[in-house]
Structure formats: structure tokens, C-alpha cells
Protein backbone atom coordinates (compact mmCIF):
# COMPACT_ATOMS: atom_id res chain seq x y z
CA UNK A 1 15.62 30.09 31.84
CA UNK A 2 15.80 28.89 28.23
CA UNK A 3 13.93 25.73 27.34
CA UNK A 4 16.14 22.85 26.18
CA UNK A 5 14.91 20.91 23.22
CA UNK A 6 15.82 17.25 23.34
CA UNK A 7 16.24 15.60 20.01
CA UNK A 8 14.93 12.02 20.06
CA UNK A 9 17.12 9.46 18.34
CA UNK A 10 15.78 8.19 15.03
CA UNK A 11 14.15 4.75 15.13
CA UNK A 12 14.10 2.07 12.41
CA UNK A 13 11.59 -0.73 11.96
CA UNK A 14 12.04 -4.01 10.02
CA UNK A 15 8.80 -5.52 8.76
CA UNK A 16 8.68 -8.90 7.05
CA UNK A 17 6.05 -9.10 4.35
CA UNK A 18 5.84 -5.38 4.28
CA UNK A 19 4.95 -4.88 0.70
CA UNK A 20 1.21 -5.58 1.01
CA UNK A 21 -1.77 -5.95 3.30
CA UNK A 22 -1.17 -5.56 7.02
CA UNK A 23 2.57 -5.23 6.69
CA UNK A 24 2.24 -2.32 4.26
CA UNK A 25 -0.33 -0.56 6.47
CA UNK A 26 2.02 -1.04 9.46
CA UNK A 27 4.91 0.52 7.48
CA UNK A 28 2.78 3.50 6.48
CA UNK A 29 1.66 4.13 10.02
CA UNK A 30 5.13 3.84 11.49
CA UNK A 31 6.33 6.37 8.92
CA UNK A 32 3.59 8.72 10.04
CA UNK A 33 5.07 8.42 13.51
CA UNK A 34 8.50 9.39 12.29
CA UNK A 35 9.95 5.86 12.04
CA UNK A 36 12.17 4.82 9.14
CA UNK A 37 11.26 1.47 7.66
CA UNK A 38 12.89 -1.53 6.03
CA UNK A 39 10.44 -3.95 4.49
CA UNK A 40 10.95 -7.44 3.08
CA UNK A 41 9.18 -8.98 0.17
CA UNK A 42 9.16 -12.54 -1.23
CA UNK A 43 8.91 -12.03 -4.97
CA UNK A 44 7.03 -8.91 -6.04
CA UNK A 45 9.75 -6.25 -6.14
CA UNK A 46 7.52 -3.72 -7.91
CA UNK A 47 5.00 -3.86 -5.05
CA UNK A 48 7.80 -3.35 -2.56
CA UNK A 49 9.29 -0.45 -4.53
CA UNK A 50 5.86 1.26 -4.53
CA UNK A 51 5.73 1.03 -0.72
CA UNK A 52 9.27 2.42 -0.45
CA UNK A 53 8.35 5.30 -2.73
CA UNK A 54 5.26 6.03 -0.66
CA UNK A 55 7.29 6.16 2.53
CA UNK A 56 10.02 8.35 1.15
CA UNK A 57 7.40 10.75 -0.34
CA UNK A 58 6.12 11.00 3.24
CA UNK A 59 9.56 12.22 4.31
CA UNK A 60 10.93 9.01 5.76
CA UNK A 61 13.88 6.90 4.84
CA UNK A 62 12.93 3.46 3.57
CA UNK A 63 14.34 0.38 1.85
CA UNK A 64 13.18 -3.03 0.70
CA UNK A 65 15.01 -6.37 0.72
CA UNK A 66 14.08 -9.68 -0.83
CA UNK A 67 13.56 -12.52 1.71
CA UNK A 68 11.74 -15.84 1.68
CA UNK A 69 10.92 -16.26 5.39
CA UNK A 70 10.13 -19.93 4.83
CA UNK A 71 13.73 -20.70 3.75
CA UNK A 72 16.06 -20.58 6.74
CA UNK A 73 18.99 -21.31 4.49
CA UNK A 74 18.77 -17.75 3.17
CA UNK A 75 18.81 -16.09 6.59
CA UNK A 76 22.57 -15.85 7.03
CA UNK A 77 22.98 -14.01 3.75
CA UNK A 78 20.10 -11.69 4.58
CA UNK A 79 21.57 -10.90 7.98
CA UNK A 80 25.03 -10.33 6.45
CA UNK A 81 23.51 -7.86 3.92
CA UNK A 82 21.28 -6.02 6.40
CA UNK A 83 24.06 -3.91 7.98
CA UNK A 84 24.76 -2.25 4.63
CA UNK A 85 21.11 -1.32 4.26
CA UNK A 86 21.09 0.04 7.85
CA UNK A 87 24.29 1.97 7.03
CA UNK A 88 22.49 3.52 4.02
CA UNK A 89 19.85 4.74 6.49
CA UNK A 90 22.49 6.13 8.86
CA UNK A 91 22.42 3.43 11.48
CA UNK A 92 24.11 0.20 12.52
CA UNK A 93 21.16 -1.42 14.28
CA UNK A 94 17.38 -1.22 14.23
CA UNK A 95 14.76 -0.94 16.92
CA UNK A 96 11.49 -2.68 15.94
CA UNK A 97 10.94 -6.12 14.36
CA UNK A 98 7.48 -7.03 13.08
CA UNK A 99 7.23 -10.71 12.09
CA UNK A 100 4.35 -10.27 9.72
CA UNK A 101 5.07 -12.44 6.61
CA UNK A 102 2.80 -15.38 6.29
CA UNK A 103 0.62 -17.57 4.05
CA UNK A 104 -2.94 -18.77 4.36
CA UNK A 105 -4.27 -22.33 4.43
CA UNK A 106 -7.81 -23.72 4.51
CA UNK A 107 -8.33 -27.48 4.66
CA UNK A 108 -10.18 -29.90 6.95
CA UNK A 109 -7.94 -31.56 9.52
CA UNK A 110 -8.53 -35.02 8.05
CA UNK A 111 -7.26 -33.79 4.63
CA UNK A 112 -4.09 -31.86 5.61
CA UNK A 113 -0.92 -33.37 4.07
CA UNK A 114 2.55 -33.56 5.57
CA UNK A 115 3.87 -31.26 2.86
CA UNK A 116 1.22 -28.65 3.64
CA UNK A 117 1.86 -28.79 7.39
CA UNK A 118 5.64 -28.56 6.78
CA UNK A 119 5.13 -25.46 4.59
CA UNK A 120 3.07 -23.74 7.26
CA UNK A 121 5.64 -24.66 9.91
CA UNK A 122 8.50 -23.26 7.82
CA UNK A 123 7.01 -19.85 7.32
CA UNK A 124 4.86 -19.33 10.47
CA UNK A 125 7.01 -20.84 13.19
CA UNK A 126 10.46 -22.01 12.06
CA UNK A 127 10.99 -18.91 10.01
CA UNK A 128 9.87 -16.57 12.79
CA UNK A 129 12.00 -18.47 15.40
CA UNK A 130 15.27 -18.54 13.49
CA UNK A 131 15.00 -15.10 11.73
CA UNK A 132 14.41 -13.44 15.11
CA UNK A 133 17.31 -15.36 16.60
CA UNK A 134 19.71 -14.38 13.85
CA UNK A 135 18.59 -10.67 14.00
CA UNK A 136 19.09 -10.30 17.81
CA UNK A 137 22.57 -8.85 17.49
CA UNK A 138 21.20 -6.14 15.20
CA UNK A 139 18.22 -5.07 17.43
CA UNK A 140 18.92 -2.24 19.83
CA UNK A 141 18.53 -2.82 23.54
CA UNK A 142 15.17 -1.31 24.54
CA UNK A 143 13.65 -2.32 21.22
CA UNK A 144 10.36 -4.10 20.44
CA UNK A 145 9.26 -7.25 18.70
CA UNK A 146 5.71 -7.94 17.47
CA UNK A 147 4.70 -11.31 16.23
CA UNK A 148 1.54 -11.55 14.13
CA UNK A 149 -0.90 -14.30 15.08
CA UNK A 150 -4.63 -14.74 14.44
CA UNK A 151 -7.94 -14.59 16.20
CA UNK A 152 -8.29 -18.28 15.20
CA UNK A 153 -6.05 -19.27 18.20
CA UNK A 154 -8.92 -18.14 20.49
CA UNK A 155 -11.95 -19.20 18.42
CA UNK A 156 -12.21 -21.93 15.79
CA UNK A 157 -13.04 -21.83 12.13
CA UNK A 158 -13.48 -24.87 9.87
CA UNK A 159 -10.34 -25.75 7.89
CA UNK A 160 -7.93 -23.74 9.98
CA UNK A 161 -6.45 -26.34 12.38
CA UNK A 162 -3.04 -26.43 10.75
CA UNK A 163 -2.69 -22.66 10.33
CA UNK A 164 -4.01 -21.77 13.69
CA UNK A 165 -1.80 -24.34 15.44
CA UNK A 166 1.31 -22.71 14.01
CA UNK A 167 0.16 -19.32 15.18
CA UNK A 168 -0.54 -20.81 18.60
CA UNK A 169 3.11 -21.89 18.75
CA UNK A 170 4.20 -18.31 17.90
CA UNK A 171 2.12 -17.02 20.80
CA UNK A 172 3.96 -19.32 23.21
CA UNK A 173 7.27 -18.28 21.64
CA UNK A 174 6.36 -14.64 22.22
CA UNK A 175 6.15 -15.17 25.97
CA UNK A 176 9.46 -16.95 26.11
CA UNK A 177 11.15 -14.25 24.09
CA UNK A 178 9.76 -11.62 26.42
CA UNK A 179 11.25 -13.47 29.39
CA UNK A 180 14.64 -14.13 27.87
CA UNK A 181 15.06 -10.73 26.26
CA UNK A 182 13.91 -8.83 29.32
CA UNK A 183 17.47 -8.15 30.48
CA UNK A 184 18.01 -6.25 27.26
CA UNK A 185 14.71 -4.31 27.83
CA UNK A 186 13.23 -5.69 24.57
CA UNK A 187 9.48 -6.06 24.86
CA UNK A 188 7.80 -8.82 22.81
CA UNK A 189 4.09 -9.01 22.13
CA UNK A 190 1.66 -10.84 19.86
CA UNK A 191 -0.99 -9.06 17.77
CA UNK A 192 -3.83 -11.31 16.70
CA UNK A 193 -6.07 -9.82 13.97
CA UNK A 194 -9.60 -11.15 13.33
CA UNK A 195 -10.92 -11.54 9.79
CA UNK A 196 -9.54 -8.73 7.68
CA UNK A 197 -10.59 -7.66 4.18
CA UNK A 198 -7.27 -7.88 2.36
CA UNK A 199 -5.85 -10.04 -0.50
CA UNK A 200 -4.88 -12.66 2.14
CA UNK A 201 -6.48 -16.09 1.44
CA UNK A 202 -7.15 -14.93 -2.09
CA UNK A 203 -9.16 -11.92 -0.84
CA UNK A 204 -11.95 -14.20 0.53
CA UNK A 205 -13.14 -11.82 3.19
CA UNK A 206 -12.76 -8.73 0.98
CA UNK A 207 -14.32 -10.12 -2.26
CA UNK A 208 -16.92 -12.67 -1.08
CA UNK A 209 -20.03 -10.70 -0.06
CA UNK A 210 -21.62 -13.63 1.76
CA UNK A 211 -18.48 -14.28 3.82
CA UNK A 212 -18.04 -10.66 4.54
CA UNK A 213 -21.64 -10.51 5.76
CA UNK A 214 -21.06 -13.58 7.91
CA UNK A 215 -17.94 -12.08 9.48
CA UNK A 216 -19.85 -8.85 10.11
CA UNK A 217 -22.64 -10.74 11.89
CA UNK A 218 -20.09 -12.45 14.21
CA UNK A 219 -18.32 -9.18 15.14
CA UNK A 220 -19.54 -6.91 17.93
CA UNK A 221 -18.69 -3.79 15.98
CA UNK A 222 -20.70 -5.04 13.03
CA UNK A 223 -18.25 -5.23 10.15
CA UNK A 224 -15.18 -7.10 8.93
CA UNK A 225 -11.82 -5.55 9.72
CA UNK A 226 -9.71 -3.64 7.20
CA UNK A 227 -5.96 -3.12 7.14
CA UNK A 228 -6.42 0.42 8.49
CA UNK A 229 -7.73 -1.11 11.66
CA UNK A 230 -4.46 -3.08 12.28
CA UNK A 231 -1.52 -0.97 11.03
CA UNK A 232 -2.15 1.98 13.42
CA UNK A 233 -2.56 -0.46 16.32
CA UNK A 234 0.81 -2.06 15.66
CA UNK A 235 2.46 1.29 15.29
CA UNK A 236 0.94 2.38 18.56
CA UNK A 237 2.11 -0.77 20.31
CA UNK A 238 5.66 -0.08 19.26
CA UNK A 239 5.57 3.41 20.62
CA UNK A 240 7.16 4.65 23.82
CA UNK A 241 3.73 5.11 25.33
CA UNK A 242 3.28 1.32 25.32
CA UNK A 243 6.76 0.52 26.66
CA UNK A 244 5.30 -1.38 29.67
CA UNK A 245 3.19 -3.73 27.55
CA UNK A 246 5.08 -6.97 27.37
CA UNK A 247 4.43 -10.71 26.80
CA UNK A 248 0.81 -10.04 25.76
CA UNK A 249 -1.47 -11.48 23.15
CA UNK A 250 -3.58 -8.51 21.92
CA UNK A 251 -6.49 -9.46 19.74
CA UNK A 252 -7.62 -6.80 17.24
CA UNK A 253 -10.84 -8.22 15.86
CA UNK A 254 -13.63 -5.76 16.59
CA UNK A 255 -15.01 -8.27 19.06
CA UNK A 256 -15.38 -11.45 16.95
CA UNK A 257 -17.15 -14.41 18.61
CA UNK A 258 -17.61 -12.88 22.02
């Protein structure tokens, strides 16, 4: 009896903030798994183009689109343009959404201003909420959504009350999305990185030796995280092997503050 080879349908991921840091590393690792990728960037097109080139050189189809995830007024135009980008990739829908785009904030609770809290709300919660809502018709049934949170929703760090509170809201949203999108077989999870040595927060963990040493001392595995610790994990979570993981908050911190 001859063996029948089944061709798996091609998958496409959309990653917000995919031009740098954790988003870029996620894109690279999804490409390694045979996934085509669309990334968004806020302002640095050259950075985004470099990522797209890297992915295409690896043999995958890729594209980048400008998007300010803090400005919900732009979402309708983005969603209207996305089908053309998908068509260029040979598809009419996509499979994986990674809500990764974000900004940092460090200020004592007593000093946080209304404008600062509003800005965090716009990008970290309001933006995630309404972008996901508007993208739902373009996500394939059986797809996956990953929302990026932070270890700071479990443990506390001075000056992170506003930032962590918004991420806490995203973690609650994740569970509700998992429940409501269950009939479409769309799994929704939260990934919560610990302190990572990237350019996030001005590169403070990466470039400040004293802070890096402090983070390492607080981490069971004895070092600060790097993007290469997170991207492969997210790519794995989106794989078929993890299809039964749903409504979970998965911390990827090397064991910080345990």
C-alpha cells in the first residue's frame, strides 16, 4: 500500500510590534516553523523591512504594515487594508494573532498622571481589546490568540503599578476571550515574560549591569531573560501540539521571585 502524504495548509501569523524585541524574535521562530508572518510597526519602517527581509531569506512569505495600536481611530483603515496584504500572501484570513506591541512606564503610584495612565490604557488594554475585536472576522476558526502580559502581575516592582494594572486587565480579557471564542475553536492565552534584556524601557535590563545583576539574583535560573527565551516559547504555544492549552497565563521568567 502506498503511503499518502498529507499537505498541511499554510498558516499565517499577525504580530503587533513585530519589528523589534520579543515581537521580532517571535516572528523569526514562527518562520522557522513554516509560518508566514505579517508584522506591524509604529514608526520605524526600516526596522520592519529588515525583519521582513530576514523572514523571506529564510524561505517564508512576510509583510509589514504600519499601525499605532494606541489609536483606535486607525483600526478600521488597518482592517480594511489587511485583506489585500493577506491576498498578496495567497490567503483571505490568518491563523495566529500575537498582541505584543507595548510601551514601558516607571513611576511611583503617587506621581502617575492622568495623561500617563490614559496612554498606558490606550495601548495596553483598549488597543488590544478593540484591535482583536475588529480582526475577529479575519481570524480562521481553530486559530490562536496570544496576549503579552508581564511577570509584574504576579510579583511587584517599584514604579510599575500603572503598567502592571493594564496588563492585569489583559489577563482577565484573555480568559473571557477564551470562553466566548470557544465555539470557533480559537484558543486564547497569556504569555507573561519576566525581566528581559531588550531595548524595552530604554534597555535598562540589558544595559545596566547593576540591574541585570539584581534580576539575575532574583531568578532561579541565575540570569536575566533574553528575547531568545521568549520567541520560541510563543511559537511553540501557537503550534498544534499545544492545541489544548487555553485560557492560561503562562509566565516565562526563569523563576523570578519564587
